[in-house]
Amino acid sequence: MITCFLHSLHPNGVSSEMAKFDRLRSMATPPHFRPRTARRVPIRGTAFFLNDDTRGRGFVWNLSLKGCRVDAEKHVPAGTELMITLHLEKADEKIHVHRAVVAWSCGQEFGLRIHDIEPPEARRLKRYLGRAR
């Protein structure tokens, strides 16, 4: 894909493929979209999630104080509220989140936005992220 970009540069230096991608991305951006406010750290771990209607698990790939990306065993729609437990690589303890909301969903991948986490759990998450960077 990068090779395609290099070979298709316009005289003004803008890739025709990149321009097309930017147009498509802007059209596909939902009106309620909010950009991330916290830097995500690439980590590995497992998230167990549940609510009254569903339960499951998935792999956590990116993590921040505000949320994470999960590749789950099932589809979870945007807007779903979940309780999650994070089992993170090289972490001493699990991290429990009382309420997280699925911000976006694509197939079996979704982004979680953390809304309610107890202060001791938030401190544990912050310490973990500080060590993982």
Protein backbone atom coordinates (compact mmCIF):
# COMPACT_ATOMS: atom_id res chain seq x y z
CA MET A 1 0.00 0.00 0.00
CA ILE A 2 2.83 2.42 0.83
CA THR A 3 4.40 1.64 -2.53
CA CYS A 4 1.12 2.63 -4.22
CA PHE A 5 1.21 5.97 -2.43
CA LEU A 6 4.79 6.64 -3.50
CA HIS A 7 4.08 5.87 -7.15
CA SER A 8 0.86 7.87 -7.34
CA LEU A 9 2.03 11.25 -6.06
CA HIS A 10 0.55 14.26 -7.78
CA PRO A 11 2.78 17.21 -8.70
CA ASN A 12 1.50 19.00 -5.59
CA GLY A 13 2.88 16.15 -3.45
CA VAL A 14 -0.47 14.67 -2.41
CA SER A 15 -1.16 11.01 -3.07
CA SER A 16 -4.34 10.42 -5.06
CA GLU A 17 -4.99 7.29 -2.99
CA MET A 18 -4.46 9.19 0.25
CA ALA A 19 -6.79 11.97 -0.87
CA LYS A 20 -9.43 9.37 -1.73
CA PHE A 21 -8.94 7.72 1.68
CA ASP A 22 -9.32 11.07 3.46
CA ARG A 23 -12.57 11.80 1.58
CA LEU A 24 -13.99 8.37 2.42
CA ARG A 25 -12.91 8.62 6.06
CA SER A 26 -14.58 12.01 6.46
CA MET A 27 -17.82 10.68 4.93
CA ALA A 28 -17.79 7.62 7.23
CA THR A 29 -17.17 9.59 10.43
CA PRO A 30 -20.33 9.53 12.55
CA PRO A 31 -21.60 12.91 13.78
CA HIS A 32 -21.12 11.87 17.43
CA PHE A 33 -17.45 10.95 16.87
CA ARG A 34 -15.04 12.36 19.44
CA PRO A 35 -11.27 12.04 18.99
CA ARG A 36 -9.25 10.34 21.71
CA THR A 37 -8.07 12.55 24.53
CA ALA A 38 -5.51 10.14 25.97
CA ARG A 39 -2.53 8.44 24.34
CA ARG A 40 -3.02 4.69 23.98
CA VAL A 41 -0.21 2.31 24.84
CA PRO A 42 0.25 -0.87 22.78
CA ILE A 43 -0.09 -3.74 25.26
CA ARG A 44 -1.35 -7.30 25.35
CA GLY A 45 -3.97 -8.60 27.69
CA THR A 46 -7.42 -10.09 28.00
CA ALA A 47 -10.67 -8.30 28.75
CA PHE A 48 -13.63 -10.12 30.24
CA PHE A 49 -16.85 -8.17 29.76
CA LEU A 50 -20.47 -8.52 30.75
CA ASN A 51 -23.81 -6.84 31.23
CA ASP A 52 -27.37 -8.13 31.66
CA ASP A 53 -27.57 -9.26 28.01
CA THR A 54 -24.11 -10.46 27.06
CA ARG A 55 -20.80 -11.73 28.33
CA GLY A 56 -17.58 -12.52 26.58
CA ARG A 57 -13.87 -11.97 26.34
CA GLY A 58 -11.40 -10.48 23.96
CA PHE A 59 -7.81 -9.44 23.48
CA VAL A 60 -6.82 -5.92 24.53
CA TRP A 61 -4.41 -4.30 22.07
CA ASN A 62 -4.29 -0.65 23.06
CA LEU A 63 -4.92 0.86 26.44
CA SER A 64 -5.13 4.32 27.98
CA LEU A 65 -6.60 5.86 31.12
CA LYS A 66 -9.74 6.60 29.09
CA GLY A 67 -10.28 3.37 27.17
CA CYS A 68 -8.99 0.49 25.08
CA ARG A 69 -9.37 -1.44 21.84
CA VAL A 70 -10.69 -4.99 22.11
CA ASP A 71 -10.75 -7.81 19.57
CA ALA A 72 -13.55 -9.96 20.99
CA GLU A 73 -15.02 -13.39 20.39
CA LYS A 74 -18.34 -11.79 19.41
CA HIS A 75 -19.81 -8.58 18.03
CA VAL A 76 -20.76 -5.95 20.61
CA PRO A 77 -22.68 -2.96 19.19
CA ALA A 78 -21.70 0.67 19.74
CA GLY A 79 -23.46 2.20 22.72
CA THR A 80 -23.41 -1.02 24.78
CA GLU A 81 -22.55 -0.51 28.46
CA LEU A 82 -20.29 -3.16 29.98
CA MET A 83 -18.47 -4.06 33.16
CA ILE A 84 -14.96 -5.20 32.31
CA THR A 85 -12.06 -6.92 34.02
CA LEU A 86 -8.64 -6.48 32.48
CA HIS A 87 -5.98 -9.18 32.82
CA LEU A 88 -2.90 -7.42 31.51
CA GLU A 89 0.48 -8.87 30.60
CA LYS A 90 3.04 -8.36 33.40
CA ALA A 91 0.44 -6.85 35.73
CA ASP A 92 0.33 -7.88 39.36
CA GLU A 93 -3.45 -7.64 39.69
CA LYS A 94 -6.58 -7.51 37.56
CA ILE A 95 -8.14 -4.12 36.90
CA HIS A 96 -11.92 -3.81 37.29
CA VAL A 97 -13.95 -1.18 35.44
CA HIS A 98 -17.53 -0.74 36.67
CA ARG A 99 -18.82 0.90 33.51
CA ALA A 100 -17.36 1.22 30.04
CA VAL A 101 -19.26 2.12 26.88
CA VAL A 102 -18.56 0.75 23.41
CA ALA A 103 -17.62 3.89 21.47
CA TRP A 104 -17.30 2.17 18.08
CA SER A 105 -17.72 -1.33 16.77
CA CYS A 106 -16.54 -3.00 13.57
CA GLY A 107 -17.12 -6.74 13.31
CA GLN A 108 -15.66 -8.29 16.43
CA GLU A 109 -13.44 -5.30 17.24
CA PHE A 110 -14.60 -2.40 19.35
CA GLY A 111 -13.32 0.59 21.26
CA LEU A 112 -14.25 1.01 24.90
CA ARG A 113 -14.52 4.34 26.67
CA ILE A 114 -14.08 4.04 30.45
CA HIS A 115 -16.82 5.91 32.33
CA ASP A 116 -16.73 4.57 35.90
CA ILE A 117 -13.66 3.17 37.62
CA GLU A 118 -12.95 3.18 41.36
CA PRO A 119 -9.99 5.36 42.44
CA PRO A 120 -7.79 2.40 43.53
CA GLU A 121 -8.40 0.70 40.18
CA ALA A 122 -7.64 3.95 38.31
CA ARG A 123 -4.36 4.28 40.25
CA ARG A 124 -3.46 0.69 39.39
CA LEU A 125 -4.21 1.36 35.72
CA LYS A 126 -2.11 4.55 35.77
CA ARG A 127 0.84 2.72 37.38
CA TYR A 128 0.57 -0.08 34.82
CA LEU A 129 0.55 2.37 31.90
CA GLY A 130 3.54 4.22 33.37
CA ARG A 131 5.54 0.98 33.43
CA ALA A 132 4.34 -0.12 29.97
CA ARG A 133 5.43 3.04 28.11
